[in-house]
Structure formats: C-alpha cells, structure tokens
Amino acid sequence: MSDSITFETESPRYGLPLLHVAQAQKEAFVNEALSRCDILLHATISGERATPPEDPRPGESWLVAEGATGAWSGRDASIAGLHGGNWLFVEPREGLRVFDLSTRQERLFHNFWRKAVLPVEPLGGITVDVQARAAIAELIGVLQVLGIVPSA
C-alpha cells in the first residue's frame, strides 16, 4: 500500500497560504499571499512603534516594538502592514533586511532586529593623523549613504 499524499497548507518560510484543487474561495487565499508578498518585496518600514498609528495609510508597514499594545499586542518584532482595513503581520526570518524610512538605514533580523549605530569620528589623541581621520570620515560618510549607519 502506498503512502497517502499530504498537501502543505502554507509555505515554509513566511506561511503564505497555498491553493488546492477544487478549493473554495481561492481569491481569499491568493489575496492573503499577495498582501504578505507586498510587505516583503523591497521591504521598507515607516518606523518602529508599540501601538498602531492613528491614521495609517495603505501600503505602510511598521516594525512592532517590544511590549506592543492594542491590535498589535503579542506581535513583538513582527512587521505590521495595513491591507484592506486590517492589520497583516509577517514574522521575521533570519537574514530578513528592511529599510527604515524614519532613520534612513537598514535593519537586519538575526535573533532580534539589529541596526548599526553612528561611529564616533576620532578627535584628539597623542598623534594627529589628518589623512587617517579624513579616510575614517569618508568611510563613515559612505556607510551613511548606503543606509548602513544612521546620519548624524
């Protein structure tokens, strides 16, 4: 006797709903999957908050801060996006990167959300090396342009 065939109901990484033959209301499942993809493709967040914004706009996404309340309660570290008047949450996976529009820098999920801090340019010291300081300042500038570290 052969093994019975089991069908997955969602994708393994982001839990996108999968369709089955003769499934009723396919459009609801497809729309759910597309809404989650919309949040993840070229992922940007409008910032990090513990409470939903009072007047969210469709297409905006937010990083749910620790200790979230209201409609976001229990969704810490998720990405929340408003779709069809309802909040849709995406649980982050290792290596997920998003661009934070409020700080103009990239954030990385590795066990928790991480972001770079602005390095301090060297000042003072026993020996002053103008060329080395200029190179460090230029490196910091490039990291800021790339969104790796925040602007001052």
C-alpha atoms as a PDB file:
ATOM      1  CA  MET A   1       0.000   0.000   0.000  1.00  0.00           C
ATOM      2  CA  SER A   2       1.407   3.391  -0.908  1.00  0.00           C
ATOM      3  CA  ASP A   3       1.788   6.281   1.485  1.00  0.00           C
ATOM      4  CA  SER A   4      -1.004   8.806   1.483  1.00  0.00           C
ATOM      5  CA  ILE A   5      -0.262  12.163  -0.062  1.00  0.00           C
ATOM      6  CA  THR A   6      -0.311  15.121   2.259  1.00  0.00           C
ATOM      7  CA  PHE A   7      -0.548  18.649   0.992  1.00  0.00           C
ATOM      8  CA  GLU A   8       1.092  21.576   2.657  1.00  0.00           C
ATOM      9  CA  THR A   9      -1.293  24.387   3.547  1.00  0.00           C
ATOM     10  CA  GLU A  10       1.288  27.175   3.673  1.00  0.00           C
ATOM     11  CA  SER A  11       4.792  27.962   2.501  1.00  0.00           C
ATOM     12  CA  PRO A  12       7.533  27.030   4.965  1.00  0.00           C
ATOM     13  CA  ARG A  13       9.285  30.399   5.423  1.00  0.00           C
ATOM     14  CA  TYR A  14       6.575  33.041   5.546  1.00  0.00           C
ATOM     15  CA  GLY A  15       3.411  30.986   5.892  1.00  0.00           C
ATOM     16  CA  LEU A  16       1.960  32.106   2.566  1.00  0.00           C
ATOM     17  CA  PRO A  17      -1.320  30.235   2.016  1.00  0.00           C
ATOM     18  CA  LEU A  18      -1.189  27.625  -0.735  1.00  0.00           C
ATOM     19  CA  LEU A  19      -4.040  26.661  -3.057  1.00  0.00           C
ATOM     20  CA  HIS A  20      -5.522  23.191  -3.504  1.00  0.00           C
ATOM     21  CA  VAL A  21      -7.571  21.640  -6.288  1.00  0.00           C
ATOM     22  CA  ALA A  22     -11.288  22.465  -6.012  1.00  0.00           C
ATOM     23  CA  GLN A  23     -10.649  24.813  -3.119  1.00  0.00           C
ATOM     24  CA  ALA A  24     -13.458  27.245  -2.362  1.00  0.00           C
ATOM     25  CA  GLN A  25     -12.781  30.972  -2.086  1.00  0.00           C
ATOM     26  CA  LYS A  26      -9.366  30.781  -3.734  1.00  0.00           C
ATOM     27  CA  GLU A  27      -9.309  34.542  -4.117  1.00  0.00           C
ATOM     28  CA  ALA A  28      -9.113  34.994  -0.335  1.00  0.00           C
ATOM     29  CA  PHE A  29      -6.018  32.790  -0.128  1.00  0.00           C
ATOM     30  CA  VAL A  30      -4.365  34.369  -3.155  1.00  0.00           C
ATOM     31  CA  ASN A  31      -5.065  37.872  -1.846  1.00  0.00           C
ATOM     32  CA  GLU A  32      -3.616  36.960   1.567  1.00  0.00           C
ATOM     33  CA  ALA A  33      -0.431  35.642  -0.047  1.00  0.00           C
ATOM     34  CA  LEU A  34      -0.104  38.677  -2.322  1.00  0.00           C
ATOM     35  CA  SER A  35      -0.592  41.051   0.616  1.00  0.00           C
ATOM     36  CA  ARG A  36       2.229  39.378   2.533  1.00  0.00           C
ATOM     37  CA  CYS A  37       4.451  39.455  -0.548  1.00  0.00           C
ATOM     38  CA  ASP A  38       3.648  43.157  -0.916  1.00  0.00           C
ATOM     39  CA  ILE A  39       5.037  43.765   2.581  1.00  0.00           C
ATOM     40  CA  LEU A  40       8.192  41.725   1.937  1.00  0.00           C
ATOM     41  CA  LEU A  41       9.184  42.847  -1.562  1.00  0.00           C
ATOM     42  CA  HIS A  42      11.636  45.747  -1.314  1.00  0.00           C
ATOM     43  CA  ALA A  43      10.718  45.812   2.359  1.00  0.00           C
ATOM     44  CA  THR A  44      10.501  49.231   3.961  1.00  0.00           C
ATOM     45  CA  ILE A  45       9.103  50.224   7.317  1.00  0.00           C
ATOM     46  CA  SER A  46       7.858  53.650   8.347  1.00  0.00           C
ATOM     47  CA  GLY A  47       9.480  53.194  11.753  1.00  0.00           C
ATOM     48  CA  GLU A  48       9.152  51.185  14.941  1.00  0.00           C
ATOM     49  CA  ARG A  49       6.105  51.539  17.202  1.00  0.00           C
ATOM     50  CA  ALA A  50       4.450  49.758  20.117  1.00  0.00           C
ATOM     51  CA  THR A  51       0.954  50.954  19.139  1.00  0.00           C
ATOM     52  CA  PRO A  52      -0.741  51.115  15.753  1.00  0.00           C
ATOM     53  CA  PRO A  53      -0.653  54.575  14.155  1.00  0.00           C
ATOM     54  CA  GLU A  54      -3.886  56.563  14.471  1.00  0.00           C
ATOM     55  CA  ASP A  55      -4.185  57.275  10.758  1.00  0.00           C
ATOM     56  CA  PRO A  56      -2.264  54.565   8.869  1.00  0.00           C
ATOM     57  CA  ARG A  57      -2.080  54.676   5.097  1.00  0.00           C
ATOM     58  CA  PRO A  58      -2.463  51.569   2.947  1.00  0.00           C
ATOM     59  CA  GLY A  59       0.935  50.248   1.939  1.00  0.00           C
ATOM     60  CA  GLU A  60       2.747  51.482   5.047  1.00  0.00           C
ATOM     61  CA  SER A  61       4.497  48.892   7.178  1.00  0.00           C
ATOM     62  CA  TRP A  62       5.780  49.213  10.724  1.00  0.00           C
ATOM     63  CA  LEU A  63       8.141  47.243  12.923  1.00  0.00           C
ATOM     64  CA  VAL A  64       6.183  46.207  16.005  1.00  0.00           C
ATOM     65  CA  ALA A  65       8.160  47.255  19.087  1.00  0.00           C
ATOM     66  CA  GLU A  66       8.551  45.217  22.246  1.00  0.00           C
ATOM     67  CA  GLY A  67       5.563  45.425  24.593  1.00  0.00           C
ATOM     68  CA  ALA A  68       3.115  46.249  21.805  1.00  0.00           C
ATOM     69  CA  THR A  69      -0.480  47.026  22.743  1.00  0.00           C
ATOM     70  CA  GLY A  70      -3.870  47.238  21.075  1.00  0.00           C
ATOM     71  CA  ALA A  71      -4.255  45.457  17.748  1.00  0.00           C
ATOM     72  CA  TRP A  72      -0.512  44.755  17.807  1.00  0.00           C
ATOM     73  CA  SER A  73      -0.469  43.026  21.212  1.00  0.00           C
ATOM     74  CA  GLY A  74       1.586  39.824  21.156  1.00  0.00           C
ATOM     75  CA  ARG A  75       3.138  40.660  17.779  1.00  0.00           C
ATOM     76  CA  ASP A  76       6.524  41.966  19.012  1.00  0.00           C
ATOM     77  CA  ALA A  77       9.257  42.068  16.325  1.00  0.00           C
ATOM     78  CA  SER A  78       6.735  41.422  13.506  1.00  0.00           C
ATOM     79  CA  ILE A  79       6.237  43.661  10.526  1.00  0.00           C
ATOM     80  CA  ALA A  80       2.699  45.057  10.508  1.00  0.00           C
ATOM     81  CA  GLY A  81       1.057  46.295   7.331  1.00  0.00           C
ATOM     82  CA  LEU A  82      -2.436  47.633   6.755  1.00  0.00           C
ATOM     83  CA  HIS A  83      -4.251  45.802   3.954  1.00  0.00           C
ATOM     84  CA  GLY A  84      -7.972  46.013   3.298  1.00  0.00           C
ATOM     85  CA  GLY A  85      -8.549  47.825   6.575  1.00  0.00           C
ATOM     86  CA  ASN A  86      -6.999  45.003   8.612  1.00  0.00           C
ATOM     87  CA  TRP A  87      -3.542  44.591  10.106  1.00  0.00           C
ATOM     88  CA  LEU A  88      -1.494  41.847   8.496  1.00  0.00           C
ATOM     89  CA  PHE A  89       1.595  40.590  10.355  1.00  0.00           C
ATOM     90  CA  VAL A  90       4.724  38.986   8.943  1.00  0.00           C
ATOM     91  CA  GLU A  91       7.010  37.139  11.348  1.00  0.00           C
ATOM     92  CA  PRO A  92      10.660  37.878  10.535  1.00  0.00           C
ATOM     93  CA  ARG A  93      13.048  35.128   9.497  1.00  0.00           C
ATOM     94  CA  GLU A  94      16.823  35.026   9.950  1.00  0.00           C
ATOM     95  CA  GLY A  95      18.540  37.348   7.496  1.00  0.00           C
ATOM     96  CA  LEU A  96      15.492  39.484   6.687  1.00  0.00           C
ATOM     97  CA  ARG A  97      16.521  43.054   5.880  1.00  0.00           C
ATOM     98  CA  VAL A  98      14.229  46.060   5.839  1.00  0.00           C
ATOM     99  CA  PHE A  99      14.897  49.722   5.194  1.00  0.00           C
ATOM    100  CA  ASP A 100      13.673  52.022   7.968  1.00  0.00           C
ATOM    101  CA  LEU A 101      12.395  55.215   6.341  1.00  0.00           C
ATOM    102  CA  SER A 102      12.343  57.084   9.665  1.00  0.00           C
ATOM    103  CA  THR A 103      16.071  56.618  10.321  1.00  0.00           C
ATOM    104  CA  ARG A 104      17.162  56.169   6.688  1.00  0.00           C
ATOM    105  CA  GLN A 105      19.039  52.972   7.476  1.00  0.00           C
ATOM    106  CA  GLU A 106      18.849  49.235   7.031  1.00  0.00           C
ATOM    107  CA  ARG A 107      17.787  46.872   9.799  1.00  0.00           C
ATOM    108  CA  LEU A 108      18.673  43.181   9.953  1.00  0.00           C
ATOM    109  CA  PHE A 109      16.883  40.364  11.758  1.00  0.00           C
ATOM    110  CA  HIS A 110      19.327  37.941  13.379  1.00  0.00           C
ATOM    111  CA  ASN A 111      17.648  36.513  16.500  1.00  0.00           C
ATOM    112  CA  PHE A 112      16.341  40.066  17.022  1.00  0.00           C
ATOM    113  CA  TRP A 113      16.224  43.284  14.987  1.00  0.00           C
ATOM    114  CA  ARG A 114      19.618  44.966  14.716  1.00  0.00           C
ATOM    115  CA  LYS A 115      20.714  48.345  13.424  1.00  0.00           C
ATOM    116  CA  ALA A 116      24.090  49.994  13.237  1.00  0.00           C
ATOM    117  CA  VAL A 117      24.988  52.959  15.394  1.00  0.00           C
ATOM    118  CA  LEU A 118      26.836  56.001  14.136  1.00  0.00           C
ATOM    119  CA  PRO A 119      30.565  55.598  14.829  1.00  0.00           C
ATOM    120  CA  VAL A 120      32.320  58.467  16.559  1.00  0.00           C
ATOM    121  CA  GLU A 121      34.959  60.210  14.484  1.00  0.00           C
ATOM    122  CA  PRO A 122      38.357  60.276  16.184  1.00  0.00           C
ATOM    123  CA  LEU A 123      39.171  63.511  17.996  1.00  0.00           C
ATOM    124  CA  GLY A 124      42.269  64.443  19.949  1.00  0.00           C
ATOM    125  CA  GLY A 125      44.872  61.834  20.828  1.00  0.00           C
ATOM    126  CA  ILE A 126      48.633  61.988  21.134  1.00  0.00           C
ATOM    127  CA  THR A 127      49.347  61.746  17.413  1.00  0.00           C
ATOM    128  CA  VAL A 128      47.064  63.512  14.971  1.00  0.00           C
ATOM    129  CA  ASP A 129      46.992  61.865  11.550  1.00  0.00           C
ATOM    130  CA  VAL A 130      44.990  64.099   9.245  1.00  0.00           C
ATOM    131  CA  GLN A 131      44.927  61.582   6.377  1.00  0.00           C
ATOM    132  CA  ALA A 132      43.712  58.727   8.589  1.00  0.00           C
ATOM    133  CA  ARG A 133      40.981  60.903  10.072  1.00  0.00           C
ATOM    134  CA  ALA A 134      39.913  62.028   6.604  1.00  0.00           C
ATOM    135  CA  ALA A 135      39.749  58.390   5.459  1.00  0.00           C
ATOM    136  CA  ILE A 136      37.673  57.390   8.512  1.00  0.00           C
ATOM    137  CA  ALA A 137      35.313  60.337   7.980  1.00  0.00           C
ATOM    138  CA  GLU A 138      34.921  59.353   4.315  1.00  0.00           C
ATOM    139  CA  LEU A 139      34.220  55.735   5.289  1.00  0.00           C
ATOM    140  CA  ILE A 140      31.557  56.858   7.771  1.00  0.00           C
ATOM    141  CA  GLY A 141      30.027  59.039   5.037  1.00  0.00           C
ATOM    142  CA  VAL A 142      29.828  56.098   2.634  1.00  0.00           C
ATOM    143  CA  LEU A 143      28.233  53.890   5.305  1.00  0.00           C
ATOM    144  CA  GLN A 144      25.635  56.623   5.863  1.00  0.00           C
ATOM    145  CA  VAL A 145      24.862  56.943   2.152  1.00  0.00           C
ATOM    146  CA  LEU A 146      24.358  53.172   1.935  1.00  0.00           C
ATOM    147  CA  GLY A 147      21.991  53.251   4.907  1.00  0.00           C
ATOM    148  CA  ILE A 148      24.222  51.002   6.989  1.00  0.00           C
ATOM    149  CA  VAL A 149      24.709  53.555   9.768  1.00  0.00           C
ATOM    150  CA  PRO A 150      22.375  56.451  10.579  1.00  0.00           C
ATOM    151  CA  SER A 151      23.101  60.034   9.631  1.00  0.00           C
ATOM    152  CA  ALA A 152      24.227  62.357  12.396  1.00  0.00           C
END
